Amino acid sequence: MALAEGERVEIRGFGSFNRRLRSARKWHNPVTDMTYMVPAKLVPHFKPGKRLRDGIENNNGDVEPRIGKKLRILD
């Protein structure tokens, strides 16, 4: 898989995926009241494309999609 090998994956009109390094950090379990160190790791990161961002911004101010509204695919 290209993303696992460190390559950027782009889907035109939708967005791109790449890897980011999440630094090591402390994590607290409130149930057991123990603190753990979570090691650094690579995580996937998504960056939306311009057409996707514009399509969301031009949604006439609706916060939630209406039930039964048809999905419009951008060309």
N, C-alpha and C. Protein backbone atom coordinates (compact mmCIF):
# COMPACT_ATOMS: atom_id res chain seq x y z
N MET A 1 0.84 -1.17 0.00
CA MET A 1 0.00 0.00 0.00
C MET A 1 0.89 1.24 0.00
N ALA A 2 0.56 2.18 -0.84
CA ALA A 2 1.40 3.37 -1.03
C ALA A 2 1.51 4.20 0.25
N LEU A 3 0.41 4.35 0.97
CA LEU A 3 0.43 5.17 2.19
C LEU A 3 1.34 4.55 3.25
N ALA A 4 1.33 3.25 3.36
CA ALA A 4 2.19 2.56 4.33
C ALA A 4 3.67 2.72 3.97
N GLU A 5 3.96 2.92 2.69
CA GLU A 5 5.34 3.10 2.25
C GLU A 5 5.78 4.55 2.32
N GLY A 6 4.90 5.43 2.80
CA GLY A 6 5.27 6.82 2.98
C GLY A 6 4.91 7.73 1.82
N GLU A 7 4.22 7.19 0.82
CA GLU A 7 3.84 8.01 -0.33
C GLU A 7 2.52 8.72 -0.05
N ARG A 8 2.33 9.85 -0.71
CA ARG A 8 1.09 10.61 -0.61
C ARG A 8 0.08 10.01 -1.58
N VAL A 9 -1.17 9.87 -1.14
CA VAL A 9 -2.24 9.33 -1.97
C VAL A 9 -3.25 10.46 -2.19
N GLU A 10 -3.54 10.74 -3.46
CA GLU A 10 -4.44 11.84 -3.79
C GLU A 10 -5.60 11.32 -4.63
N ILE A 11 -6.81 11.75 -4.26
CA ILE A 11 -8.01 11.45 -5.04
C ILE A 11 -8.51 12.80 -5.55
N ARG A 12 -8.39 13.03 -6.84
CA ARG A 12 -8.73 14.33 -7.43
C ARG A 12 -10.16 14.73 -7.10
N GLY A 13 -10.33 15.97 -6.67
CA GLY A 13 -11.64 16.49 -6.34
C GLY A 13 -12.13 16.10 -4.96
N PHE A 14 -11.42 15.20 -4.27
CA PHE A 14 -11.83 14.76 -2.95
C PHE A 14 -10.84 15.19 -1.88
N GLY A 15 -9.57 14.80 -2.04
CA GLY A 15 -8.56 15.16 -1.06
C GLY A 15 -7.35 14.27 -1.14
N SER A 16 -6.47 14.42 -0.17
CA SER A 16 -5.24 13.63 -0.17
C SER A 16 -4.98 13.07 1.22
N PHE A 17 -4.28 11.95 1.25
CA PHE A 17 -3.90 11.28 2.48
C PHE A 17 -2.38 11.23 2.53
N ASN A 18 -1.85 11.45 3.72
CA ASN A 18 -0.42 11.25 3.94
C ASN A 18 -0.23 10.83 5.39
N ARG A 19 1.02 10.61 5.79
CA ARG A 19 1.30 10.18 7.16
C ARG A 19 1.83 11.34 7.97
N ARG A 20 1.47 11.37 9.24
CA ARG A 20 2.00 12.36 10.17
C ARG A 20 2.51 11.63 11.40
N LEU A 21 3.54 12.19 12.01
CA LEU A 21 4.09 11.61 13.22
C LEU A 21 3.37 12.19 14.43
N ARG A 22 2.73 11.33 15.20
CA ARG A 22 2.11 11.75 16.45
C ARG A 22 3.14 11.52 17.55
N SER A 23 3.50 12.57 18.26
CA SER A 23 4.57 12.47 19.24
C SER A 23 4.14 11.65 20.46
N ALA A 24 5.13 11.19 21.20
CA ALA A 24 4.87 10.43 22.42
C ALA A 24 4.18 11.34 23.43
N ARG A 25 3.31 10.73 24.25
CA ARG A 25 2.59 11.54 25.23
C ARG A 25 2.19 10.67 26.41
N LYS A 26 1.77 11.34 27.48
CA LYS A 26 1.26 10.64 28.65
C LYS A 26 -0.24 10.44 28.48
N TRP A 27 -0.72 9.31 28.97
CA TRP A 27 -2.14 9.01 28.93
C TRP A 27 -2.57 8.55 30.31
N HIS A 28 -3.66 9.09 30.80
CA HIS A 28 -4.15 8.78 32.14
C HIS A 28 -5.44 7.96 32.03
N ASN A 29 -5.48 6.82 32.70
CA ASN A 29 -6.67 5.99 32.76
C ASN A 29 -7.44 6.38 34.03
N PRO A 30 -8.59 7.05 33.89
CA PRO A 30 -9.31 7.51 35.08
C PRO A 30 -9.91 6.38 35.92
N VAL A 31 -10.13 5.21 35.32
CA VAL A 31 -10.71 4.09 36.07
C VAL A 31 -9.70 3.52 37.06
N THR A 32 -8.47 3.28 36.57
CA THR A 32 -7.44 2.69 37.44
C THR A 32 -6.55 3.74 38.07
N ASP A 33 -6.68 5.00 37.64
CA ASP A 33 -5.87 6.12 38.13
C ASP A 33 -4.37 5.90 37.85
N MET A 34 -4.08 5.20 36.76
CA MET A 34 -2.69 4.96 36.36
C MET A 34 -2.35 5.85 35.18
N THR A 35 -1.08 6.22 35.09
CA THR A 35 -0.58 7.02 33.97
C THR A 35 0.36 6.17 33.14
N TYR A 36 0.18 6.24 31.82
CA TYR A 36 0.99 5.43 30.89
C TYR A 36 1.67 6.35 29.89
N MET A 37 2.78 5.89 29.33
CA MET A 37 3.43 6.59 28.23
C MET A 37 3.01 5.92 26.94
N VAL A 38 2.44 6.70 26.04
CA VAL A 38 2.06 6.19 24.72
C VAL A 38 3.20 6.54 23.78
N PRO A 39 3.78 5.57 23.09
CA PRO A 39 4.92 5.86 22.22
C PRO A 39 4.51 6.66 20.98
N ALA A 40 5.46 7.29 20.36
CA ALA A 40 5.23 8.02 19.11
C ALA A 40 4.84 7.02 18.02
N LYS A 41 3.99 7.47 17.10
CA LYS A 41 3.59 6.58 16.02
C LYS A 41 3.16 7.40 14.80
N LEU A 42 3.14 6.73 13.66
CA LEU A 42 2.67 7.35 12.43
C LEU A 42 1.18 7.12 12.30
N VAL A 43 0.45 8.19 11.97
CA VAL A 43 -1.01 8.10 11.82
C VAL A 43 -1.39 8.69 10.47
N PRO A 44 -2.49 8.21 9.87
CA PRO A 44 -2.94 8.79 8.61
C PRO A 44 -3.53 10.18 8.83
N HIS A 45 -3.33 11.05 7.86
CA HIS A 45 -3.86 12.42 7.92
C HIS A 45 -4.55 12.71 6.60
N PHE A 46 -5.77 13.28 6.68
CA PHE A 46 -6.54 13.61 5.49
C PHE A 46 -6.61 15.11 5.32
N LYS A 47 -6.37 15.57 4.11
CA LYS A 47 -6.52 16.99 3.78
C LYS A 47 -7.55 17.08 2.65
N PRO A 48 -8.70 17.71 2.93
CA PRO A 48 -9.73 17.79 1.89
C PRO A 48 -9.27 18.66 0.72
N GLY A 49 -9.71 18.29 -0.48
CA GLY A 49 -9.39 19.06 -1.68
C GLY A 49 -10.26 20.31 -1.77
N LYS A 50 -9.89 21.19 -2.67
CA LYS A 50 -10.59 22.46 -2.83
C LYS A 50 -12.05 22.24 -3.22
N ARG A 51 -12.32 21.32 -4.12
CA ARG A 51 -13.71 21.09 -4.55
C ARG A 51 -14.57 20.56 -3.42
N LEU A 52 -14.00 19.72 -2.55
CA LEU A 52 -14.74 19.21 -1.41
C LEU A 52 -15.01 20.33 -0.41
N ARG A 53 -14.00 21.13 -0.12
CA ARG A 53 -14.20 22.26 0.80
C ARG A 53 -15.23 23.24 0.27
N ASP A 54 -15.14 23.58 -1.02
CA ASP A 54 -16.09 24.51 -1.62
C ASP A 54 -17.51 23.93 -1.62
N GLY A 55 -17.63 22.64 -1.86
CA GLY A 55 -18.94 22.01 -1.85
C GLY A 55 -19.58 22.04 -0.48
N ILE A 56 -18.79 21.92 0.56
CA ILE A 56 -19.31 21.97 1.92
C ILE A 56 -19.65 23.41 2.30
N GLU A 57 -18.81 24.35 1.94
CA GLU A 57 -19.03 25.75 2.29
C GLU A 57 -20.24 26.32 1.57
N ASN A 58 -20.54 25.86 0.37
CA ASN A 58 -21.67 26.37 -0.40
C ASN A 58 -22.94 25.57 -0.16
N ASN A 59 -23.10 25.06 1.04
CA ASN A 59 -24.25 24.23 1.38
C ASN A 59 -25.39 25.08 1.94
N ASN A 60 -25.49 26.34 1.55
CA ASN A 60 -26.55 27.26 1.96
C ASN A 60 -26.68 27.39 3.47
N GLY A 61 -25.60 27.20 4.21
CA GLY A 61 -25.61 27.38 5.65
C GLY A 61 -26.21 26.24 6.44
N ASP A 62 -26.63 25.17 5.78
CA ASP A 62 -27.19 24.03 6.50
C ASP A 62 -26.10 23.35 7.31
N VAL A 63 -26.37 23.12 8.58
CA VAL A 63 -25.39 22.45 9.42
C VAL A 63 -25.49 20.95 9.25
N GLU A 64 -26.71 20.42 9.20
CA GLU A 64 -26.91 18.98 9.03
C GLU A 64 -27.61 18.73 7.70
N PRO A 65 -27.25 17.66 7.00
CA PRO A 65 -27.94 17.36 5.75
C PRO A 65 -29.38 16.96 6.01
N ARG A 66 -30.25 17.27 5.09
CA ARG A 66 -31.66 16.91 5.23
C ARG A 66 -31.84 15.44 4.88
N ILE A 67 -32.76 14.80 5.58
CA ILE A 67 -33.05 13.40 5.31
C ILE A 67 -33.74 13.32 3.95
N GLY A 68 -33.30 12.38 3.13
CA GLY A 68 -33.88 12.20 1.82
C GLY A 68 -33.26 13.06 0.74
N LYS A 69 -32.32 13.93 1.11
CA LYS A 69 -31.68 14.78 0.12
C LYS A 69 -30.72 13.93 -0.70
N LYS A 70 -30.77 14.07 -2.01
CA LYS A 70 -29.90 13.27 -2.87
C LYS A 70 -28.46 13.78 -2.82
N LEU A 71 -27.55 12.86 -2.92
CA LEU A 71 -26.14 13.17 -2.95
C LEU A 71 -25.76 13.69 -4.32
N ARG A 72 -25.09 14.84 -4.37
CA ARG A 72 -24.67 15.41 -5.64
C ARG A 72 -23.18 15.13 -5.81
N ILE A 73 -22.83 14.47 -6.88
CA ILE A 73 -21.43 14.15 -7.15
C ILE A 73 -20.84 15.27 -7.97
N LEU A 74 -19.68 15.78 -7.48
CA LEU A 74 -19.00 16.86 -8.18
C LEU A 74 -18.24 16.32 -9.37
N ASP A 75 -18.32 17.00 -10.50
CA ASP A 75 -17.59 16.55 -11.71
C ASP A 75 -16.13 16.90 -11.59
